């Protein structure tokens, strides 16, 4: 990540990482979460419980339960639980990679090719914070951070939280009786939902995709609130849980596609120059 600067970034100089594998990994890491749906479908087909598995009534975590038996009044038996839990871990690692490798600067302009991004704006003169936090020539005040930059950093943090939570879900199946499984699920829902909501705000008026991402975030957060208020005591708890999780998986994959396309476009333009 480059250090702060008082001058507006130019389109050609704002992407120092585009000639680096780092930016590509970040974009495609987000997109790779789609693998979850393939794994889930395969695990559901192998379900061996006394009743067929239903996405409307069955919890997602039931697919990763290690043992066959009764868990919280639900009869669960998932022979391919290893595949489901591995998918959770892969999905989580993909989100963590996205959070680590995507720069906040790239997130700010990824949805609108050709637009230069200003990560900072001067609001006061004098010495301030430089590249390493020390005052000096070319440094800027600490309060010059723009709202887009702050949003982008928050999105990276929340995406990382969601990724770590999903890894925990995969490593600690529900029937082990550990509170970490529930904590991991909450990290995924809350982190992913708010990351999408903020990304929709960040990309507002840059791309129609912002509306889709914002809607995914709102659906996730709304379902999470309903689940919290009802204690998941609803007629279709599996459907409600999927309204929490599916929008995160789909929304972040869509965002990854937008980012990867921007990286590809800039690389192609750089080769032609």
Protein backbone atom coordinates (compact mmCIF):
# COMPACT_ATOMS: atom_id res chain seq x y z
CA UNK A 1 0.00 0.00 0.00
CA UNK A 2 1.39 3.35 -0.93
CA UNK A 3 1.81 6.15 1.55
CA UNK A 4 -0.37 9.28 1.73
CA UNK A 5 0.15 12.19 -0.61
CA UNK A 6 -1.27 15.68 -0.86
CA UNK A 7 -1.47 15.54 -4.67
CA UNK A 8 -4.39 13.91 -6.48
CA UNK A 9 -3.51 10.45 -7.76
CA UNK A 10 -3.41 10.10 -11.52
CA UNK A 11 -5.05 7.19 -13.31
CA UNK A 12 -1.72 5.93 -14.57
CA UNK A 13 0.14 6.23 -11.27
CA UNK A 14 -2.57 5.27 -8.82
CA UNK A 15 -2.22 1.54 -9.46
CA UNK A 16 1.35 0.60 -8.54
CA UNK A 17 0.15 -2.85 -7.52
CA UNK A 18 -1.50 -3.71 -10.83
CA UNK A 19 1.77 -5.10 -12.18
CA UNK A 20 1.98 -7.22 -9.07
CA UNK A 21 0.25 -10.54 -8.49
CA UNK A 22 -1.04 -9.08 -5.22
CA UNK A 23 -3.93 -7.17 -6.82
CA UNK A 24 -5.03 -10.11 -8.97
CA UNK A 25 -5.11 -12.51 -6.04
CA UNK A 26 -7.26 -10.09 -4.07
CA UNK A 27 -9.92 -9.79 -6.74
CA UNK A 28 -10.17 -13.45 -7.57
CA UNK A 29 -10.06 -14.47 -3.92
CA UNK A 30 -13.37 -12.70 -3.45
CA UNK A 31 -14.83 -14.37 -6.52
CA UNK A 32 -13.76 -17.84 -5.45
CA UNK A 33 -16.34 -17.97 -2.64
CA UNK A 34 -18.80 -19.24 -5.26
CA UNK A 35 -17.29 -22.69 -4.71
CA UNK A 36 -19.42 -22.84 -1.58
CA UNK A 37 -22.61 -23.44 -3.55
CA UNK A 38 -21.10 -26.36 -5.45
CA UNK A 39 -19.97 -28.00 -2.22
CA UNK A 40 -23.30 -27.39 -0.49
CA UNK A 41 -25.25 -29.00 -3.35
CA UNK A 42 -23.01 -32.09 -3.27
CA UNK A 43 -23.28 -32.46 0.50
CA UNK A 44 -27.07 -32.12 0.41
CA UNK A 45 -27.28 -34.87 -2.21
CA UNK A 46 -25.32 -37.19 0.10
CA UNK A 47 -27.47 -36.38 3.16
CA UNK A 48 -28.35 -39.57 5.07
CA UNK A 49 -30.72 -38.32 7.75
CA UNK A 50 -34.11 -39.95 8.41
CA UNK A 51 -35.76 -37.11 6.49
CA UNK A 52 -34.51 -35.48 3.26
CA UNK A 53 -32.53 -32.32 3.89
CA UNK A 54 -34.45 -29.14 3.20
CA UNK A 55 -32.86 -25.76 2.64
CA UNK A 56 -36.00 -24.21 4.11
CA UNK A 57 -35.88 -25.98 7.47
CA UNK A 58 -32.34 -27.34 7.77
CA UNK A 59 -29.54 -25.23 9.17
CA UNK A 60 -26.45 -24.77 7.03
CA UNK A 61 -24.23 -25.97 9.85
CA UNK A 62 -26.13 -29.29 9.96
CA UNK A 63 -24.33 -30.16 6.73
CA UNK A 64 -21.00 -29.92 8.56
CA UNK A 65 -22.01 -31.93 11.64
CA UNK A 66 -19.42 -34.64 12.24
CA UNK A 67 -21.65 -37.27 13.87
CA UNK A 68 -25.02 -38.73 12.95
CA UNK A 69 -27.62 -38.30 15.66
CA UNK A 70 -29.96 -35.79 17.24
CA UNK A 71 -28.61 -32.29 17.69
CA UNK A 72 -30.89 -29.68 19.31
CA UNK A 73 -34.00 -31.70 18.39
CA UNK A 74 -32.82 -32.09 14.78
CA UNK A 75 -31.82 -35.45 13.31
CA UNK A 76 -28.61 -34.83 11.40
CA UNK A 77 -26.40 -37.13 9.34
CA UNK A 78 -24.03 -35.65 6.77
CA UNK A 79 -21.61 -38.22 5.31
CA UNK A 80 -19.80 -35.52 3.32
CA UNK A 81 -19.34 -33.25 6.34
CA UNK A 82 -15.61 -33.06 5.60
CA UNK A 83 -16.36 -31.50 2.20
CA UNK A 84 -18.75 -28.97 3.73
CA UNK A 85 -16.34 -27.93 6.45
CA UNK A 86 -13.48 -27.73 3.96
CA UNK A 87 -15.65 -25.46 1.82
CA UNK A 88 -16.24 -23.19 4.81
CA UNK A 89 -12.49 -22.96 5.40
CA UNK A 90 -11.73 -22.30 1.72
CA UNK A 91 -14.41 -19.61 1.59
CA UNK A 92 -13.04 -17.98 4.72
CA UNK A 93 -9.46 -18.03 3.50
CA UNK A 94 -10.59 -16.47 0.22
CA UNK A 95 -12.19 -13.59 2.11
CA UNK A 96 -9.10 -13.14 4.28
CA UNK A 97 -6.91 -13.05 1.16
CA UNK A 98 -9.19 -10.45 -0.36
CA UNK A 99 -8.98 -8.31 2.76
CA UNK A 100 -5.19 -8.58 2.87
CA UNK A 101 -4.28 -8.18 -0.78
CA UNK A 102 -6.76 -5.55 -1.97
CA UNK A 103 -5.61 -2.02 -1.22
CA UNK A 104 -8.08 0.55 0.04
CA UNK A 105 -7.05 2.76 -2.88
CA UNK A 106 -8.05 0.12 -5.41
CA UNK A 107 -11.41 -0.39 -3.70
CA UNK A 108 -12.15 3.33 -3.94
CA UNK A 109 -12.09 3.39 -7.76
CA UNK A 110 -12.49 -0.24 -8.80
CA UNK A 111 -16.07 0.27 -9.98
CA UNK A 112 -15.36 3.16 -12.36
CA UNK A 113 -12.45 2.61 -14.78
CA UNK A 114 -10.57 5.68 -15.93
CA UNK A 115 -11.40 7.76 -12.85
CA UNK A 116 -8.50 9.01 -10.77
CA UNK A 117 -8.96 8.67 -7.03
CA UNK A 118 -8.10 11.22 -4.36
CA UNK A 119 -7.48 9.31 -1.17
CA UNK A 120 -6.67 12.45 0.82
CA UNK A 121 -7.74 16.06 0.83
CA UNK A 122 -6.07 18.89 2.69
CA UNK A 123 -8.18 20.54 5.34
CA UNK A 124 -5.41 22.37 7.15
CA UNK A 125 -1.90 23.49 6.43
CA UNK A 126 1.28 22.67 8.23
CA UNK A 127 3.17 19.52 9.03
CA UNK A 128 1.36 16.33 9.79
CA UNK A 129 1.59 12.61 9.26
CA UNK A 130 3.99 11.35 6.63
CA UNK A 131 4.47 7.93 5.12
CA UNK A 132 5.56 6.35 8.37
CA UNK A 133 3.62 8.62 10.65
CA UNK A 134 6.39 11.19 11.15
CA UNK A 135 6.13 14.87 10.25
CA UNK A 136 8.23 16.37 7.51
CA UNK A 137 8.28 17.39 3.89
CA UNK A 138 5.34 16.10 1.93
CA UNK A 139 3.48 15.06 5.06
CA UNK A 140 -0.19 15.83 5.64
CA UNK A 141 -2.35 16.38 8.71
CA UNK A 142 -3.73 13.27 10.38
CA UNK A 143 -7.30 14.44 9.76
CA UNK A 144 -6.98 14.61 5.97
CA UNK A 145 -8.33 11.10 5.46
CA UNK A 146 -11.34 11.19 3.14
CA UNK A 147 -14.59 9.40 3.78
CA UNK A 148 -14.04 7.02 0.82
CA UNK A 149 -10.65 6.00 2.16
CA UNK A 150 -12.05 5.32 5.62
CA UNK A 151 -14.94 3.31 4.12
CA UNK A 152 -12.51 1.24 2.06
CA UNK A 153 -10.38 0.44 5.10
CA UNK A 154 -13.51 -0.51 7.07
CA UNK A 155 -14.62 -2.79 4.23
CA UNK A 156 -11.27 -4.58 4.28
CA UNK A 157 -11.45 -5.07 8.05
CA UNK A 158 -15.04 -6.33 7.98
CA UNK A 159 -14.30 -8.69 5.10
CA UNK A 160 -11.38 -10.08 7.07
CA UNK A 161 -13.61 -10.57 10.12
CA UNK A 162 -16.15 -12.42 7.98
CA UNK A 163 -13.40 -14.62 6.56
CA UNK A 164 -11.95 -15.52 9.94
CA UNK A 165 -15.47 -16.32 11.18
CA UNK A 166 -16.09 -18.71 8.29
CA UNK A 167 -12.79 -20.49 8.92
CA UNK A 168 -13.83 -20.96 12.55
CA UNK A 169 -17.20 -22.40 11.45
CA UNK A 170 -15.40 -24.95 9.29
CA UNK A 171 -12.83 -25.90 11.91
CA UNK A 172 -15.35 -26.12 14.78
CA UNK A 173 -18.49 -27.99 13.57
CA UNK A 174 -21.75 -27.32 15.39
CA UNK A 175 -21.99 -30.72 17.11
CA UNK A 176 -18.68 -30.30 18.94
CA UNK A 177 -20.57 -28.17 21.44
CA UNK A 178 -18.16 -25.23 21.29
CA UNK A 179 -19.40 -21.62 21.48
CA UNK A 180 -16.77 -20.76 18.88
CA UNK A 181 -18.98 -22.17 16.12
CA UNK A 182 -21.76 -19.72 16.94
CA UNK A 183 -19.26 -16.88 17.33
CA UNK A 184 -17.73 -17.67 13.96
CA UNK A 185 -21.13 -17.66 12.27
CA UNK A 186 -21.95 -14.26 13.77
CA UNK A 187 -18.60 -12.90 12.59
CA UNK A 188 -19.42 -14.01 9.04
CA UNK A 189 -22.96 -12.62 9.00
CA UNK A 190 -22.17 -9.31 10.72
CA UNK A 191 -18.82 -8.67 9.05
CA UNK A 192 -20.02 -9.70 5.60
CA UNK A 193 -23.33 -7.88 5.80
CA UNK A 194 -21.84 -4.57 6.86
CA UNK A 195 -18.92 -4.92 4.42
CA UNK A 196 -21.43 -5.18 1.56
CA UNK A 197 -23.51 -2.29 2.85
CA UNK A 198 -20.45 -0.03 3.06
CA UNK A 199 -19.23 -1.20 -0.35
CA UNK A 200 -22.59 -0.27 -1.82
CA UNK A 201 -22.18 3.20 -0.33
CA UNK A 202 -18.56 3.48 -1.51
CA UNK A 203 -19.49 2.57 -5.09
CA UNK A 204 -22.71 4.61 -5.14
CA UNK A 205 -23.07 6.46 -8.47
CA UNK A 206 -20.01 4.64 -9.79
CA UNK A 207 -21.80 1.48 -10.88
CA UNK A 208 -25.32 -0.01 -10.77
CA UNK A 209 -23.69 -2.89 -8.90
CA UNK A 210 -23.69 -0.65 -5.83
CA UNK A 211 -27.46 -1.10 -5.51
CA UNK A 212 -27.12 -4.87 -5.66
CA UNK A 213 -24.34 -4.94 -3.06
CA UNK A 214 -26.24 -2.60 -0.75
CA UNK A 215 -29.37 -4.75 -1.09
CA UNK A 216 -27.36 -7.89 -0.26
CA UNK A 217 -26.01 -6.19 2.85
CA UNK A 218 -29.45 -5.02 3.97
CA UNK A 219 -31.01 -8.45 3.41
CA UNK A 220 -28.29 -10.09 5.48
CA UNK A 221 -28.52 -7.58 8.31
CA UNK A 222 -32.33 -7.61 8.28
CA UNK A 223 -32.46 -11.41 8.46
CA UNK A 224 -29.87 -11.37 11.24
CA UNK A 225 -31.99 -8.94 13.26
CA UNK A 226 -35.09 -11.10 12.78
CA UNK A 227 -33.14 -14.19 13.81
CA UNK A 228 -31.86 -12.43 16.91
CA UNK A 229 -35.28 -11.16 17.95
CA UNK A 230 -36.99 -14.52 17.42
CA UNK A 231 -34.15 -16.75 18.58
CA UNK A 232 -34.55 -18.50 15.18
CA UNK A 233 -37.91 -19.80 16.38
CA UNK A 234 -39.53 -19.33 12.98
CA UNK A 235 -41.36 -21.78 10.67
CA UNK A 236 -38.46 -21.86 8.19
CA UNK A 237 -35.22 -21.35 10.12
CA UNK A 238 -33.04 -22.72 7.33
CA UNK A 239 -34.44 -20.20 4.89
CA UNK A 240 -33.93 -17.37 7.36
CA UNK A 241 -30.32 -18.43 7.93
CA UNK A 242 -29.75 -18.52 4.19
CA UNK A 243 -31.05 -14.98 3.93
CA UNK A 244 -28.21 -14.15 6.33
CA UNK A 245 -25.49 -16.09 4.54
CA UNK A 246 -26.27 -16.35 0.83
CA UNK A 247 -26.30 -12.57 0.20
CA UNK A 248 -22.81 -12.31 1.70
CA UNK A 249 -21.42 -15.10 -0.48
CA UNK A 250 -23.11 -13.81 -3.64
CA UNK A 251 -22.42 -10.12 -2.94
CA UNK A 252 -18.72 -10.53 -2.21
CA UNK A 253 -18.31 -12.76 -5.26
CA UNK A 254 -19.94 -10.05 -7.41
CA UNK A 255 -17.67 -7.41 -5.89
CA UNK A 256 -14.66 -9.62 -6.61
CA UNK A 257 -15.70 -9.84 -10.25
CA UNK A 258 -15.89 -6.04 -10.53
CA UNK A 259 -12.48 -5.63 -8.91
CA UNK A 260 -10.84 -8.34 -11.02
CA UNK A 261 -12.26 -6.75 -14.19
CA UNK A 262 -10.80 -3.38 -13.21
CA UNK A 263 -7.42 -4.97 -12.63
CA UNK A 264 -7.58 -6.70 -16.01
CA UNK A 265 -8.57 -3.45 -17.75
CA UNK A 266 -5.71 -1.49 -16.19
CA UNK A 267 -3.18 -4.20 -16.99
CA UNK A 268 -4.32 -4.26 -20.61
CA UNK A 269 -4.12 -0.45 -20.86
CA UNK A 270 -0.65 -0.49 -19.30
CA UNK A 271 0.58 -2.95 -21.95
CA UNK A 272 -0.69 -0.70 -24.73
CA UNK A 273 1.07 2.39 -23.42
